[in-house]
C-alpha atoms as a PDB file:
ATOM      1  CA  MET A   1      96.629  90.321 120.892  1.00  0.00           C
ATOM      2  CA  SER A   2      99.720  89.373 121.533  1.00  0.00           C
ATOM      3  CA  ASP A   3     103.349  91.633 121.061  1.00  0.00           C
ATOM      4  CA  LYS A   4     105.101  89.879 118.235  1.00  0.00           C
ATOM      5  CA  PRO A   5     106.089  90.893 115.546  1.00  0.00           C
ATOM      6  CA  ASP A   6     104.022  88.238 113.355  1.00  0.00           C
ATOM      7  CA  ASP A   7     101.119  90.480 114.290  1.00  0.00           C
ATOM      8  CA  ASP A   8     102.240  93.418 113.473  1.00  0.00           C
ATOM      9  CA  ALA A   9     100.759  94.733 109.810  1.00  0.00           C
ATOM     10  CA  TRP A  10     103.482  93.730 107.100  1.00  0.00           C
ATOM     11  CA  LEU A  11     103.940  97.722 106.213  1.00  0.00           C
ATOM     12  CA  ALA A  12     105.366  97.811 110.030  1.00  0.00           C
ATOM     13  CA  ARG A  13     107.467  94.364 109.876  1.00  0.00           C
ATOM     14  CA  PRO A  14     111.595  94.787 109.519  1.00  0.00           C
ATOM     15  CA  ASP A  15     112.213  92.146 106.579  1.00  0.00           C
ATOM     16  CA  SER A  16     109.001  93.310 104.844  1.00  0.00           C
ATOM     17  CA  ILE A  17     110.529  96.957 105.532  1.00  0.00           C
ATOM     18  CA  ARG A  18     114.105  96.082 103.625  1.00  0.00           C
ATOM     19  CA  LEU A  19     112.189  93.819 100.468  1.00  0.00           C
ATOM     20  CA  LEU A  20     109.990  96.876 100.401  1.00  0.00           C
ATOM     21  CA  TRP A  21     113.198  98.789 100.428  1.00  0.00           C
ATOM     22  CA  ARG A  22     115.513  96.407  98.134  1.00  0.00           C
ATOM     23  CA  LEU A  23     112.376  96.449  94.924  1.00  0.00           C
ATOM     24  CA  PHE A  24     112.375 100.149  95.219  1.00  0.00           C
ATOM     25  CA  TRP A  25     116.585 100.036  94.605  1.00  0.00           C
ATOM     26  CA  ALA A  26     115.850  97.784  91.611  1.00  0.00           C
ATOM     27  CA  ILE A  27     113.285  99.033  89.378  1.00  0.00           C
ATOM     28  CA  LEU A  28     115.474 102.219  90.056  1.00  0.00           C
ATOM     29  CA  ALA A  29     118.303 100.576  88.710  1.00  0.00           C
ATOM     30  CA  LEU A  30     116.290  98.815  86.154  1.00  0.00           C
ATOM     31  CA  THR A  31     114.510 102.390  84.605  1.00  0.00           C
ATOM     32  CA  VAL A  32     118.293 104.086  84.777  1.00  0.00           C
ATOM     33  CA  LEU A  33     119.944 100.629  82.690  1.00  0.00           C
ATOM     34  CA  ALA A  34     116.163 101.060  80.120  1.00  0.00           C
ATOM     35  CA  GLN A  35     117.183 103.414  78.723  1.00  0.00           C
ATOM     36  CA  PHE A  36     120.858 102.506  77.898  1.00  0.00           C
ATOM     37  CA  VAL A  37     118.400  99.555  75.858  1.00  0.00           C
ATOM     38  CA  ILE A  38     115.769 102.081  74.241  1.00  0.00           C
ATOM     39  CA  LYS A  39     116.965 104.778  72.798  1.00  0.00           C
ATOM     40  CA  VAL A  40     115.464 108.467  74.133  1.00  0.00           C
ATOM     41  CA  LYS A  41     115.401 111.352  71.809  1.00  0.00           C
ATOM     42  CA  GLY A  42     114.978 114.806  73.963  1.00  0.00           C
ATOM     43  CA  TYR A  43     113.516 117.680  72.683  1.00  0.00           C
ATOM     44  CA  PHE A  44     116.970 119.451  74.331  1.00  0.00           C
ATOM     45  CA  VAL A  45     121.186 118.054  73.995  1.00  0.00           C
ATOM     46  CA  ILE A  46     121.102 117.231  77.982  1.00  0.00           C
ATOM     47  CA  ASP A  47     117.477 115.299  77.856  1.00  0.00           C
ATOM     48  CA  SER A  48     118.923 112.604  75.557  1.00  0.00           C
ATOM     49  CA  TRP A  49     121.756 111.946  78.102  1.00  0.00           C
ATOM     50  CA  PRO A  50     122.448 108.394  80.353  1.00  0.00           C
ATOM     51  CA  ALA A  51     120.494 108.373  83.193  1.00  0.00           C
ATOM     52  CA  PHE A  52     119.148 112.701  82.696  1.00  0.00           C
ATOM     53  CA  GLY A  53     116.085 111.626  85.298  1.00  0.00           C
ATOM     54  CA  ALA A  54     117.590 110.150  87.783  1.00  0.00           C
ATOM     55  CA  TRP A  55     119.977 112.616  88.501  1.00  0.00           C
ATOM     56  CA  PHE A  56     117.998 116.190  87.613  1.00  0.00           C
ATOM     57  CA  GLY A  57     115.592 114.677  89.922  1.00  0.00           C
ATOM     58  CA  PHE A  58     117.414 113.571  92.771  1.00  0.00           C
ATOM     59  CA  LEU A  59     119.565 117.511  92.155  1.00  0.00           C
ATOM     60  CA  SER A  60     115.816 119.361  92.723  1.00  0.00           C
ATOM     61  CA  CYS A  61     115.016 117.550  94.966  1.00  0.00           C
ATOM     62  CA  LEU A  62     117.877 118.576  96.387  1.00  0.00           C
ATOM     63  CA  ALA A  63     117.596 122.410  95.827  1.00  0.00           C
ATOM     64  CA  MET A  64     114.140 122.202  97.509  1.00  0.00           C
ATOM     65  CA  VAL A  65     115.860 120.786 100.245  1.00  0.00           C
ATOM     66  CA  LEU A  66     118.567 123.217 100.927  1.00  0.00           C
ATOM     67  CA  VAL A  67     115.044 126.420  99.749  1.00  0.00           C
ATOM     68  CA  ALA A  68     113.164 125.136 102.057  1.00  0.00           C
ATOM     69  CA  LYS A  69     115.484 125.123 105.173  1.00  0.00           C
ATOM     70  CA  ALA A  70     117.230 128.597 104.270  1.00  0.00           C
ATOM     71  CA  LEU A  71     112.999 129.579 104.599  1.00  0.00           C
ATOM     72  CA  GLY A  72     113.069 128.058 107.826  1.00  0.00           C
ATOM     73  CA  PHE A  73     116.048 130.203 108.982  1.00  0.00           C
ATOM     74  CA  LEU A  74     115.670 133.136 107.222  1.00  0.00           C
ATOM     75  CA  LEU A  75     111.822 133.742 109.002  1.00  0.00           C
ATOM     76  CA  LYS A  76     111.794 131.183 111.643  1.00  0.00           C
ATOM     77  CA  ARG A  77     110.651 133.770 115.000  1.00  0.00           C
ATOM     78  CA  LYS A  78     111.679 133.498 118.825  1.00  0.00           C
ATOM     79  CA  ASP A  79     110.112 130.954 121.049  1.00  0.00           C
ATOM     80  CA  ASP A  80     108.157 134.243 122.573  1.00  0.00           C
ATOM     81  CA  TYR A  81     106.964 135.761 119.270  1.00  0.00           C
ATOM     82  CA  TYR A  82     103.323 135.664 119.753  1.00  0.00           C
ATOM     83  CA  ARG A  83     103.051 135.863 124.000  1.00  0.00           C
ATOM     84  CA  VAL A  84     101.229 138.465 125.055  1.00  0.00           C
ATOM     85  CA  GLU A  85     102.681 140.905 127.805  1.00  0.00           C
ATOM     86  CA  ASP A  86     101.323 142.229 131.159  1.00  0.00           C
ATOM     87  CA  GLY A  87     100.284 145.363 129.550  1.00  0.00           C
ATOM     88  CA  ASP A  88      98.950 144.693 126.559  1.00  0.00           C
ATOM     89  CA  ASP A  89      95.386 143.503 126.082  1.00  0.00           C
END
């Protein structure tokens, strides 16, 4: 086995990763643009807004990350939380 990049799995190659990112961005853009061509009938008025799913998903993900960070800050313990003291058995 050699250390040449050609021997890597195709998902580990930088060119493949770059291609996949471009492909994902293109699919996401086409999905958002499709809403301008295909009429979306939502249950609520806001469901019919252009790119509702895209920005709602982004804001939901952002909210989950912020809540997880806040929970991590509130629930964290000191590094020596589980340390057994010499007198305790």
